[in-house]
Protein backbone atom coordinates (compact mmCIF):
# COMPACT_ATOMS: atom_id res chain seq x y z
CA MET A 1 -28.80 9.95 0.63
CA SER A 2 -25.21 9.01 -0.21
CA GLU A 3 -23.19 6.89 2.15
CA LEU A 4 -20.83 9.78 2.99
CA ALA A 5 -23.71 12.23 3.54
CA ASP A 6 -24.90 9.96 6.36
CA PRO A 7 -22.72 10.85 9.39
CA THR A 8 -23.07 7.35 10.87
CA ALA A 9 -21.97 5.69 7.62
CA ALA A 10 -19.10 8.15 7.23
CA ALA A 11 -17.89 7.45 10.79
CA ALA A 12 -18.08 3.70 10.15
CA LEU A 13 -16.04 4.10 6.95
CA VAL A 14 -13.35 6.08 8.80
CA ALA A 15 -13.25 3.42 11.53
CA ASP A 16 -12.92 0.64 8.93
CA ASP A 17 -10.21 2.54 7.07
CA THR A 18 -8.24 2.99 10.29
CA ARG A 19 -8.64 -0.66 11.33
CA TYR A 20 -7.53 -2.01 7.96
CA MET A 21 -4.63 0.45 7.72
CA ARG A 22 -3.40 -0.79 11.11
CA GLU A 23 -3.39 -4.29 9.62
CA ALA A 24 -1.45 -2.97 6.60
CA LEU A 25 1.08 -1.49 9.04
CA ARG A 26 1.48 -4.93 10.67
CA LEU A 27 2.18 -6.36 7.22
CA ALA A 28 4.72 -3.58 6.61
CA ASP A 29 6.51 -4.64 9.80
CA ALA A 30 6.71 -8.20 8.41
CA ALA A 31 8.48 -6.83 5.33
CA ALA A 32 10.97 -4.89 7.46
CA VAL A 33 11.80 -7.97 9.54
CA ARG A 34 12.71 -9.73 6.28
CA GLY A 35 14.89 -6.82 5.12
CA ASP A 36 12.42 -5.42 2.61
CA VAL A 37 11.11 -1.88 2.46
CA PRO A 38 8.23 -1.82 4.96
CA VAL A 39 5.12 -1.46 2.83
CA GLY A 40 2.03 -3.53 3.57
CA ALA A 41 -1.21 -3.95 1.66
CA LEU A 42 -4.49 -5.81 1.90
CA VAL A 43 -7.57 -6.23 -0.25
CA VAL A 44 -11.01 -6.12 1.37
CA GLN A 45 -14.22 -7.16 -0.35
CA ASP A 46 -17.64 -7.21 1.32
CA GLY A 47 -16.03 -6.72 4.73
CA ALA A 48 -13.64 -9.68 4.41
CA ILE A 49 -9.89 -9.59 3.80
CA ILE A 50 -9.37 -11.55 0.58
CA GLY A 51 -5.71 -10.74 -0.07
CA VAL A 52 -2.64 -9.66 1.90
CA GLY A 53 0.85 -8.71 0.92
CA PHE A 54 4.02 -6.90 1.83
CA ASN A 55 7.10 -5.97 -0.13
CA THR A 56 9.11 -9.03 -1.20
CA ARG A 57 11.45 -7.47 -3.76
CA GLU A 58 14.66 -8.14 -1.85
CA GLY A 59 13.79 -11.56 -0.45
CA ALA A 60 12.29 -12.90 -3.68
CA ALA A 61 14.63 -10.98 -6.01
CA ASP A 62 11.47 -9.85 -7.79
CA PRO A 63 11.14 -6.31 -9.17
CA CYS A 64 7.35 -6.79 -9.17
CA GLY A 65 7.28 -7.84 -5.50
CA HIS A 66 5.52 -4.69 -4.33
CA ALA A 67 2.99 -5.07 -1.52
CA GLU A 68 0.06 -4.09 -3.75
CA ILE A 69 0.94 -6.65 -6.43
CA VAL A 70 1.42 -9.39 -3.83
CA ALA A 71 -1.94 -8.54 -2.20
CA LEU A 72 -3.74 -8.37 -5.56
CA ARG A 73 -2.32 -11.75 -6.61
CA ASP A 74 -3.45 -13.23 -3.30
CA ALA A 75 -6.95 -11.74 -3.73
CA CYS A 76 -7.21 -13.05 -7.28
CA ARG A 77 -6.19 -16.53 -6.14
CA SER A 78 -8.80 -16.34 -3.38
CA THR A 79 -11.59 -15.34 -5.74
CA ARG A 80 -10.29 -17.25 -8.78
CA ARG A 81 -10.80 -14.14 -10.87
CA TRP A 82 -8.42 -11.51 -12.23
CA ARG A 83 -10.92 -8.76 -11.38
CA VAL A 84 -11.66 -7.70 -7.83
CA ASP A 85 -14.78 -5.64 -8.55
CA GLY A 86 -16.08 -3.83 -5.49
CA ALA A 87 -12.88 -4.35 -3.49
CA THR A 88 -10.87 -1.79 -1.54
CA LEU A 89 -7.08 -1.98 -1.43
CA TYR A 90 -5.36 -0.56 1.65
CA VAL A 91 -1.65 0.22 1.43
CA THR A 92 0.74 2.11 3.67
CA LEU A 93 2.47 4.03 0.84
CA GLU A 94 1.10 5.73 -2.26
CA PRO A 95 1.33 3.25 -5.16
CA CYS A 96 3.96 3.58 -7.88
CA PRO A 97 3.06 3.58 -11.61
CA MET A 98 3.25 -0.22 -11.86
CA CYS A 99 0.97 -0.76 -8.88
CA ALA A 100 -1.46 2.02 -9.84
CA GLY A 101 -1.79 0.41 -13.26
CA ALA A 102 -2.44 -2.97 -11.68
CA LEU A 103 -5.19 -1.46 -9.49
CA VAL A 104 -6.88 0.00 -12.57
CA ASN A 105 -6.54 -3.27 -14.50
CA ALA A 106 -7.88 -5.36 -11.61
CA ARG A 107 -10.91 -3.03 -11.37
CA VAL A 108 -10.35 -2.21 -7.69
CA ARG A 109 -13.22 0.05 -6.63
CA ARG A 110 -11.43 2.03 -3.93
CA LEU A 111 -7.85 2.75 -2.88
CA VAL A 112 -6.91 3.87 0.63
CA TYR A 113 -3.29 4.75 1.31
CA GLY A 114 -1.33 6.22 4.18
CA ALA A 115 1.82 8.13 3.27
CA ASP A 116 2.40 10.12 0.09
CA ASP A 117 5.37 9.10 -2.05
CA PRO A 118 6.88 12.27 -3.56
CA LYS A 119 9.53 10.29 -5.47
CA ALA A 120 7.41 7.57 -7.10
CA GLY A 121 3.73 8.14 -6.23
CA ALA A 122 1.43 7.64 -9.20
CA VAL A 123 -1.92 8.35 -7.52
CA ARG A 124 -1.47 11.96 -6.41
CA SER A 125 2.20 12.96 -6.04
CA LEU A 126 3.66 12.58 -9.56
CA TYR A 127 0.76 11.21 -11.62
CA GLN A 128 -2.95 10.63 -11.17
CA LEU A 129 -3.30 7.23 -12.83
CA CYS A 130 -6.10 5.90 -10.64
CA ASP A 131 -8.60 8.57 -11.63
CA ASP A 132 -7.34 9.50 -15.09
CA PRO A 133 -10.45 10.02 -17.26
CA ARG A 134 -8.62 8.61 -20.30
CA LEU A 135 -8.50 5.15 -18.74
CA ASN A 136 -11.34 2.62 -18.82
CA HIS A 137 -11.63 2.38 -15.02
CA ARG A 138 -11.22 4.89 -12.21
CA LEU A 139 -10.95 4.31 -8.47
CA GLU A 140 -12.30 6.19 -5.51
CA ILE A 141 -9.26 7.42 -3.58
CA THR A 142 -8.79 8.17 0.11
CA THR A 143 -5.39 9.48 1.15
CA GLY A 144 -3.62 10.16 4.42
CA VAL A 145 -5.12 7.40 6.60
CA LEU A 146 -2.63 6.95 9.47
CA ALA A 147 -0.16 8.92 7.33
CA GLY A 148 2.09 9.68 10.32
CA PRO A 149 2.67 6.07 11.40
CA CYS A 150 2.92 4.93 7.76
CA ALA A 151 5.63 7.51 7.03
CA ALA A 152 7.38 6.84 10.35
CA VAL A 153 7.88 3.12 9.68
CA LEU A 154 9.55 3.98 6.37
CA SER A 155 11.71 6.75 7.89
CA GLU A 156 12.86 4.45 10.68
CA PHE A 157 13.72 1.67 8.24
CA PHE A 158 15.87 3.92 6.05
CA ARG A 159 17.42 5.67 9.08
CA SER A 160 18.48 2.27 10.37
CA ILE A 161 20.06 1.37 7.03
CA ARG A 162 21.98 4.67 6.93
CA GLU A 163 23.26 4.11 10.48
CA ARG A 164 24.44 0.59 9.65
CA ARG A 165 26.27 1.88 6.58
CA ARG A 166 27.91 4.67 8.58
CA GLY A 167 28.95 2.16 11.24
CA ARG A 168 30.58 -0.09 8.64
CA ALA A 169 32.32 2.90 7.05
CA ARG A 170 33.68 4.02 10.44
CA GLY A 171 34.87 0.52 11.26
CA ALA A 172 36.68 0.26 7.93
CA ARG A 173 38.71 3.41 8.73
CA TRP A 174 40.13 1.92 11.91
CA ARG A 175 41.43 -1.26 10.37
């Protein structure tokens, strides 16, 4: 019997996915506090968190400072291997092409993400890199875990930026 055919195993998987996505949301909040787009990610292997990350592009002036890349680098340092066979990566936003490619190259077994990214998503929205049969590795994919809260943290972040910009523009008119 497959793991998902067993209702108890399926319920445990959903509970784990929710728990780890909540942790990814906490990491996303850490990015927002630092002025970066609030995306958080973590890598779990054999029930243990082996890598964590959040967006650091602004703070580190690093175009590769996406949460998934930061978490994968942390996991690889932890295991002293470039492959994370059997691991699951949790991330609050659908990975972009760069991050989806890194997940394939690192041999991540499973990807779980929260919110879809209609502008840059490379797992379901624009491309399907993580399960493309032409590539040498494919991932199991679970989408929409805590999608509402994951999307809300991003919406709030960008709403706040727009309000600050409008406030500065209004203030400039009165000078």
